[in-house]
């Protein structure tokens, strides 16, 4: 698994693109990038005044948490794999950069993760 690109945003979000491309028939490939968005809670908390919120998030999720997304393109000829990987990466960053680079985006992600965490039913 190669890491074609990694971006560290000023708001504490680290975006890593993992290349999981494989050949599936002849010279045709399934270009698959796993996008891992990791939030370092220490960086996000330091940039925020809401210490109570970040304390709760830290207690529930630890020092960081991650969210993953897959970008897939099928039927890519072997000669076009590298260009397709680059294009998918650039397209994702271009489309998502406006909201992912916002200072409040890590807090929004953390809130979504906390909401998921609260919905988990625990049996003792």
N, C-alpha and C. Protein backbone atom coordinates (compact mmCIF):
# COMPACT_ATOMS: atom_id res chain seq x y z
N UNK A 1 0.84 -1.17 0.00
CA UNK A 1 0.00 0.00 0.00
C UNK A 1 0.90 1.24 0.00
N UNK A 2 0.77 2.05 -1.01
CA UNK A 2 1.56 3.26 -1.14
C UNK A 2 0.78 4.46 -0.61
N UNK A 3 1.51 5.45 -0.15
CA UNK A 3 0.90 6.71 0.26
C UNK A 3 1.24 7.75 -0.80
N UNK A 4 0.30 7.98 -1.74
CA UNK A 4 0.61 8.93 -2.81
C UNK A 4 0.63 10.39 -2.37
N UNK A 5 -0.07 10.67 -1.25
CA UNK A 5 -0.10 12.07 -0.83
C UNK A 5 -0.59 12.18 0.60
N UNK A 6 -0.10 13.19 1.29
CA UNK A 6 -0.53 13.47 2.64
C UNK A 6 -0.58 14.99 2.81
N UNK A 7 -1.65 15.48 3.41
CA UNK A 7 -1.84 16.92 3.59
C UNK A 7 -2.13 17.19 5.06
N UNK A 8 -1.39 18.11 5.65
CA UNK A 8 -1.65 18.56 7.02
C UNK A 8 -2.29 19.94 6.93
N UNK A 9 -3.51 20.07 7.44
CA UNK A 9 -4.20 21.35 7.41
C UNK A 9 -3.94 22.11 8.71
N UNK A 10 -3.97 23.42 8.67
CA UNK A 10 -3.68 24.22 9.87
C UNK A 10 -4.64 23.96 11.03
N UNK A 11 -5.83 23.44 10.75
CA UNK A 11 -6.81 23.19 11.80
C UNK A 11 -6.58 21.86 12.54
N UNK A 12 -5.50 21.16 12.22
CA UNK A 12 -5.18 19.91 12.91
C UNK A 12 -5.60 18.66 12.17
N UNK A 13 -6.23 18.80 11.03
CA UNK A 13 -6.69 17.65 10.25
C UNK A 13 -5.56 17.16 9.35
N UNK A 14 -5.26 15.87 9.46
CA UNK A 14 -4.26 15.24 8.60
C UNK A 14 -4.99 14.33 7.63
N UNK A 15 -4.80 14.58 6.34
CA UNK A 15 -5.47 13.79 5.31
C UNK A 15 -4.42 12.93 4.62
N UNK A 16 -4.61 11.62 4.68
CA UNK A 16 -3.68 10.68 4.07
C UNK A 16 -4.43 9.88 3.01
N UNK A 17 -3.82 9.79 1.85
CA UNK A 17 -4.38 9.01 0.75
C UNK A 17 -3.58 7.71 0.64
N UNK A 18 -4.25 6.58 0.81
CA UNK A 18 -3.61 5.28 0.71
C UNK A 18 -4.05 4.61 -0.59
N UNK A 19 -3.09 4.20 -1.39
CA UNK A 19 -3.38 3.61 -2.69
C UNK A 19 -3.60 2.11 -2.54
N UNK A 20 -4.82 1.67 -2.79
CA UNK A 20 -5.19 0.26 -2.72
C UNK A 20 -5.60 -0.27 -4.09
N UNK A 21 -4.98 0.28 -5.12
CA UNK A 21 -5.28 -0.09 -6.50
C UNK A 21 -4.90 -1.54 -6.77
N UNK A 22 -5.72 -2.21 -7.57
CA UNK A 22 -5.40 -3.58 -7.98
C UNK A 22 -5.84 -3.83 -9.42
N UNK A 23 -5.18 -4.78 -10.04
CA UNK A 23 -5.54 -5.20 -11.39
C UNK A 23 -6.62 -6.26 -11.23
N UNK A 24 -7.69 -6.16 -12.02
CA UNK A 24 -8.76 -7.15 -11.87
C UNK A 24 -9.02 -7.94 -13.14
N UNK A 25 -8.61 -7.44 -14.32
CA UNK A 25 -8.82 -8.22 -15.53
C UNK A 25 -7.92 -7.68 -16.62
N UNK A 26 -7.04 -8.55 -17.13
CA UNK A 26 -6.13 -8.12 -18.19
C UNK A 26 -5.33 -6.92 -17.75
N UNK A 27 -5.41 -5.85 -18.51
CA UNK A 27 -4.69 -4.63 -18.17
C UNK A 27 -5.64 -3.58 -17.57
N UNK A 28 -6.76 -4.01 -17.03
CA UNK A 28 -7.71 -3.09 -16.42
C UNK A 28 -7.57 -3.13 -14.91
N UNK A 29 -7.62 -1.94 -14.32
CA UNK A 29 -7.39 -1.80 -12.89
C UNK A 29 -8.57 -1.14 -12.19
N UNK A 30 -8.70 -1.48 -10.93
CA UNK A 30 -9.63 -0.80 -10.03
C UNK A 30 -8.76 0.15 -9.23
N UNK A 31 -8.85 1.44 -9.54
CA UNK A 31 -8.08 2.43 -8.79
C UNK A 31 -8.89 2.76 -7.55
N UNK A 32 -8.30 2.49 -6.41
CA UNK A 32 -8.98 2.72 -5.14
C UNK A 32 -8.05 3.48 -4.20
N UNK A 33 -8.52 4.61 -3.75
CA UNK A 33 -7.80 5.38 -2.75
C UNK A 33 -8.62 5.38 -1.48
N UNK A 34 -7.97 5.02 -0.40
CA UNK A 34 -8.61 5.15 0.91
C UNK A 34 -8.14 6.48 1.49
N UNK A 35 -9.09 7.35 1.77
CA UNK A 35 -8.78 8.66 2.33
C UNK A 35 -9.00 8.56 3.83
N UNK A 36 -7.93 8.77 4.59
CA UNK A 36 -8.00 8.72 6.05
C UNK A 36 -7.84 10.14 6.56
N UNK A 37 -8.86 10.63 7.24
CA UNK A 37 -8.83 11.95 7.83
C UNK A 37 -8.69 11.79 9.34
N UNK A 38 -7.53 12.17 9.85
CA UNK A 38 -7.23 11.99 11.26
C UNK A 38 -7.23 13.36 11.95
N UNK A 39 -7.92 13.43 13.07
CA UNK A 39 -7.99 14.66 13.85
C UNK A 39 -7.15 14.46 15.11
N UNK A 40 -6.14 15.29 15.26
CA UNK A 40 -5.34 15.30 16.48
C UNK A 40 -6.06 16.20 17.47
N UNK A 41 -6.61 15.59 18.51
CA UNK A 41 -7.44 16.33 19.45
C UNK A 41 -6.66 17.39 20.22
N UNK A 42 -5.38 17.17 20.42
CA UNK A 42 -4.57 18.17 21.13
C UNK A 42 -4.47 19.45 20.31
N UNK A 43 -4.25 19.31 19.00
CA UNK A 43 -4.15 20.48 18.13
C UNK A 43 -5.51 21.18 18.04
N UNK A 44 -6.57 20.40 17.85
CA UNK A 44 -7.91 20.98 17.71
C UNK A 44 -8.33 21.68 19.00
N UNK A 45 -8.04 21.08 20.14
CA UNK A 45 -8.42 21.68 21.42
C UNK A 45 -7.63 22.95 21.69
N UNK A 46 -6.37 22.96 21.30
CA UNK A 46 -5.54 24.15 21.52
C UNK A 46 -6.05 25.34 20.72
N UNK A 47 -6.70 25.08 19.59
CA UNK A 47 -7.20 26.16 18.74
C UNK A 47 -8.62 26.58 19.10
N UNK A 48 -9.18 25.97 20.13
CA UNK A 48 -10.57 26.24 20.49
C UNK A 48 -10.65 26.73 21.93
N UNK A 49 -11.72 27.46 22.21
CA UNK A 49 -11.97 27.92 23.58
C UNK A 49 -12.93 26.99 24.32
N UNK A 50 -13.48 26.01 23.62
CA UNK A 50 -14.47 25.11 24.21
C UNK A 50 -13.77 23.91 24.86
N UNK A 51 -13.12 24.14 25.97
CA UNK A 51 -12.32 23.10 26.63
C UNK A 51 -13.18 21.96 27.17
N UNK A 52 -14.39 22.28 27.60
CA UNK A 52 -15.27 21.22 28.13
C UNK A 52 -15.62 20.21 27.04
N UNK A 53 -15.97 20.70 25.85
CA UNK A 53 -16.29 19.83 24.73
C UNK A 53 -15.10 18.92 24.40
N UNK A 54 -13.90 19.51 24.26
CA UNK A 54 -12.73 18.74 23.87
C UNK A 54 -12.31 17.76 24.96
N UNK A 55 -12.59 18.08 26.21
CA UNK A 55 -12.31 17.15 27.30
C UNK A 55 -13.22 15.92 27.18
N UNK A 56 -14.50 16.15 26.88
CA UNK A 56 -15.43 15.04 26.68
C UNK A 56 -15.01 14.17 25.50
N UNK A 57 -14.62 14.82 24.40
CA UNK A 57 -14.19 14.09 23.21
C UNK A 57 -12.96 13.26 23.53
N UNK A 58 -12.01 13.84 24.22
CA UNK A 58 -10.79 13.12 24.58
C UNK A 58 -11.11 11.91 25.46
N UNK A 59 -12.00 12.08 26.42
CA UNK A 59 -12.39 10.97 27.30
C UNK A 59 -13.05 9.83 26.51
N UNK A 60 -13.83 10.19 25.51
CA UNK A 60 -14.55 9.18 24.73
C UNK A 60 -13.72 8.57 23.61
N UNK A 61 -12.87 9.37 22.97
CA UNK A 61 -12.21 8.91 21.75
C UNK A 61 -10.69 8.79 21.86
N UNK A 62 -10.10 9.31 22.91
CA UNK A 62 -8.64 9.25 23.05
C UNK A 62 -7.96 10.47 22.49
N UNK A 63 -6.68 10.33 22.10
CA UNK A 63 -5.90 11.47 21.61
C UNK A 63 -6.24 11.88 20.19
N UNK A 64 -6.78 10.95 19.41
CA UNK A 64 -7.16 11.28 18.04
C UNK A 64 -8.24 10.31 17.57
N UNK A 65 -8.83 10.63 16.47
CA UNK A 65 -9.78 9.71 15.83
C UNK A 65 -9.66 9.90 14.34
N UNK A 66 -10.18 8.94 13.62
CA UNK A 66 -10.08 9.03 12.17
C UNK A 66 -11.40 8.68 11.52
N UNK A 67 -11.56 9.22 10.32
CA UNK A 67 -12.72 8.95 9.48
C UNK A 67 -12.15 8.53 8.13
N UNK A 68 -12.74 7.49 7.54
CA UNK A 68 -12.23 6.99 6.28
C UNK A 68 -13.29 7.06 5.19
N UNK A 69 -12.81 7.28 3.98
CA UNK A 69 -13.66 7.33 2.80
C UNK A 69 -12.90 6.66 1.67
N UNK A 70 -13.60 6.02 0.76
CA UNK A 70 -12.96 5.40 -0.40
C UNK A 70 -13.33 6.13 -1.68
N UNK A 71 -12.33 6.31 -2.52
CA UNK A 71 -12.52 6.88 -3.85
C UNK A 71 -12.17 5.78 -4.84
N UNK A 72 -13.09 5.43 -5.73
CA UNK A 72 -12.88 4.29 -6.63
C UNK A 72 -13.18 4.68 -8.07
N UNK A 73 -12.33 4.21 -8.96
CA UNK A 73 -12.56 4.36 -10.39
C UNK A 73 -12.25 3.00 -11.01
N UNK A 74 -13.20 2.45 -11.75
CA UNK A 74 -13.06 1.12 -12.34
C UNK A 74 -12.65 1.21 -13.81
N UNK A 75 -12.05 0.12 -14.30
CA UNK A 75 -11.74 0.00 -15.72
C UNK A 75 -10.64 0.92 -16.21
N UNK A 76 -9.65 1.16 -15.38
CA UNK A 76 -8.57 2.07 -15.75
C UNK A 76 -7.44 1.26 -16.40
N UNK A 77 -7.06 1.60 -17.63
CA UNK A 77 -5.93 0.90 -18.26
C UNK A 77 -4.64 1.13 -17.48
N UNK A 78 -3.75 0.15 -17.51
CA UNK A 78 -2.50 0.22 -16.76
C UNK A 78 -1.71 1.49 -16.99
N UNK A 79 -1.69 1.98 -18.22
CA UNK A 79 -0.92 3.18 -18.54
C UNK A 79 -1.51 4.45 -17.91
N UNK A 80 -2.76 4.38 -17.45
CA UNK A 80 -3.42 5.56 -16.90
C UNK A 80 -3.59 5.51 -15.39
N UNK A 81 -3.06 4.47 -14.74
CA UNK A 81 -3.28 4.31 -13.30
C UNK A 81 -2.69 5.47 -12.51
N UNK A 82 -1.44 5.81 -12.74
CA UNK A 82 -0.81 6.89 -11.97
C UNK A 82 -1.53 8.22 -12.16
N UNK A 83 -1.90 8.53 -13.38
CA UNK A 83 -2.60 9.78 -13.66
C UNK A 83 -3.97 9.79 -12.98
N UNK A 84 -4.63 8.63 -12.94
CA UNK A 84 -5.94 8.53 -12.31
C UNK A 84 -5.84 8.70 -10.80
N UNK A 85 -4.81 8.10 -10.19
CA UNK A 85 -4.58 8.28 -8.75
C UNK A 85 -4.38 9.75 -8.44
N UNK A 86 -3.56 10.41 -9.23
CA UNK A 86 -3.29 11.83 -9.04
C UNK A 86 -4.56 12.67 -9.23
N UNK A 87 -5.34 12.34 -10.24
CA UNK A 87 -6.57 13.08 -10.52
C UNK A 87 -7.59 12.91 -9.39
N UNK A 88 -7.77 11.68 -8.90
CA UNK A 88 -8.71 11.45 -7.81
C UNK A 88 -8.30 12.22 -6.56
N UNK A 89 -7.01 12.23 -6.28
CA UNK A 89 -6.50 12.96 -5.11
C UNK A 89 -6.76 14.45 -5.26
N UNK A 90 -6.40 15.00 -6.42
CA UNK A 90 -6.59 16.43 -6.66
C UNK A 90 -8.06 16.82 -6.64
N UNK A 91 -8.92 15.99 -7.25
CA UNK A 91 -10.35 16.28 -7.28
C UNK A 91 -10.94 16.30 -5.87
N UNK A 92 -10.52 15.34 -5.04
CA UNK A 92 -11.03 15.28 -3.67
C UNK A 92 -10.61 16.53 -2.90
N UNK A 93 -9.33 16.87 -2.97
CA UNK A 93 -8.84 18.04 -2.23
C UNK A 93 -9.46 19.33 -2.73
N UNK A 94 -9.65 19.45 -4.03
CA UNK A 94 -10.27 20.66 -4.58
C UNK A 94 -11.72 20.79 -4.13
N UNK A 95 -12.46 19.69 -4.19
CA UNK A 95 -13.88 19.73 -3.83
C UNK A 95 -14.09 19.90 -2.33
N UNK A 96 -13.24 19.32 -1.53
CA UNK A 96 -13.46 19.30 -0.08
C UNK A 96 -12.68 20.36 0.69
N UNK A 97 -11.71 20.97 0.06
CA UNK A 97 -10.82 21.87 0.79
C UNK A 97 -11.54 23.06 1.41
N UNK A 98 -12.55 23.60 0.74
CA UNK A 98 -13.24 24.77 1.27
C UNK A 98 -13.83 24.52 2.66
N UNK A 99 -14.40 23.35 2.89
CA UNK A 99 -14.98 23.10 4.20
C UNK A 99 -14.03 22.37 5.15
N UNK A 100 -13.14 21.52 4.63
CA UNK A 100 -12.22 20.79 5.52
C UNK A 100 -11.17 21.71 6.13
N UNK A 101 -10.83 22.80 5.47
CA UNK A 101 -9.81 23.71 5.98
C UNK A 101 -10.38 24.72 6.99
N UNK A 102 -11.68 24.74 7.14
CA UNK A 102 -12.29 25.67 8.09
C UNK A 102 -11.84 25.37 9.51
N UNK A 103 -11.63 26.38 10.33
CA UNK A 103 -11.18 26.16 11.70
C UNK A 103 -12.14 25.30 12.54
N UNK A 104 -13.44 25.35 12.24
CA UNK A 104 -14.42 24.60 13.04
C UNK A 104 -14.67 23.18 12.52
N UNK A 105 -14.04 22.79 11.42
CA UNK A 105 -14.30 21.47 10.84
C UNK A 105 -13.92 20.32 11.77
N UNK A 106 -12.75 20.34 12.44
CA UNK A 106 -12.45 19.24 13.36
C UNK A 106 -13.51 19.10 14.46
N UNK A 107 -14.04 20.23 14.92
CA UNK A 107 -15.08 20.15 15.96
C UNK A 107 -16.34 19.50 15.40
N UNK A 108 -16.68 19.82 14.17
CA UNK A 108 -17.86 19.20 13.55
C UNK A 108 -17.66 17.69 13.40
N UNK A 109 -16.48 17.28 12.96
CA UNK A 109 -16.19 15.84 12.86
C UNK A 109 -16.26 15.17 14.22
N UNK A 110 -15.70 15.84 15.22
CA UNK A 110 -15.71 15.28 16.57
C UNK A 110 -17.14 15.14 17.08
N UNK A 111 -17.99 16.12 16.78
CA UNK A 111 -19.38 16.04 17.21
C UNK A 111 -20.10 14.85 16.57
N UNK A 112 -19.84 14.64 15.28
CA UNK A 112 -20.44 13.48 14.59
C UNK A 112 -19.98 12.18 15.24
N UNK A 113 -18.68 12.08 15.53
CA UNK A 113 -18.15 10.87 16.16
C UNK A 113 -18.72 10.68 17.57
N UNK A 114 -18.88 11.77 18.31
CA UNK A 114 -19.47 11.68 19.65
C UNK A 114 -20.92 11.22 19.57
N UNK A 115 -21.65 11.72 18.58
CA UNK A 115 -23.04 11.30 18.41
C UNK A 115 -23.12 9.81 18.11
N UNK A 116 -22.21 9.30 17.29
CA UNK A 116 -22.16 7.86 17.00
C UNK A 116 -21.82 7.09 18.27
N UNK A 117 -20.88 7.61 19.02
CA UNK A 117 -20.42 6.96 20.25
C UNK A 117 -21.55 6.86 21.28
N UNK A 118 -22.40 7.88 21.34
CA UNK A 118 -23.51 7.89 22.29
C UNK A 118 -24.60 6.91 21.90
N UNK A 119 -24.71 6.61 20.59
CA UNK A 119 -25.77 5.71 20.12
C UNK A 119 -25.45 4.24 20.38
N UNK A 120 -24.20 3.94 20.70
CA UNK A 120 -23.81 2.56 20.94
C UNK A 120 -24.46 2.09 22.22
N UNK A 121 -25.20 1.00 22.12
CA UNK A 121 -25.87 0.43 23.29
C UNK A 121 -24.91 -0.52 23.97
N UNK A 122 -24.72 -0.31 25.23
CA UNK A 122 -23.78 -1.15 25.98
C UNK A 122 -24.54 -2.02 26.97
N UNK A 123 -24.18 -3.28 26.97
CA UNK A 123 -24.77 -4.22 27.93
C UNK A 123 -23.71 -4.62 28.91
N UNK A 124 -24.03 -4.57 30.18
CA UNK A 124 -23.04 -4.91 31.20
C UNK A 124 -23.29 -6.26 31.76
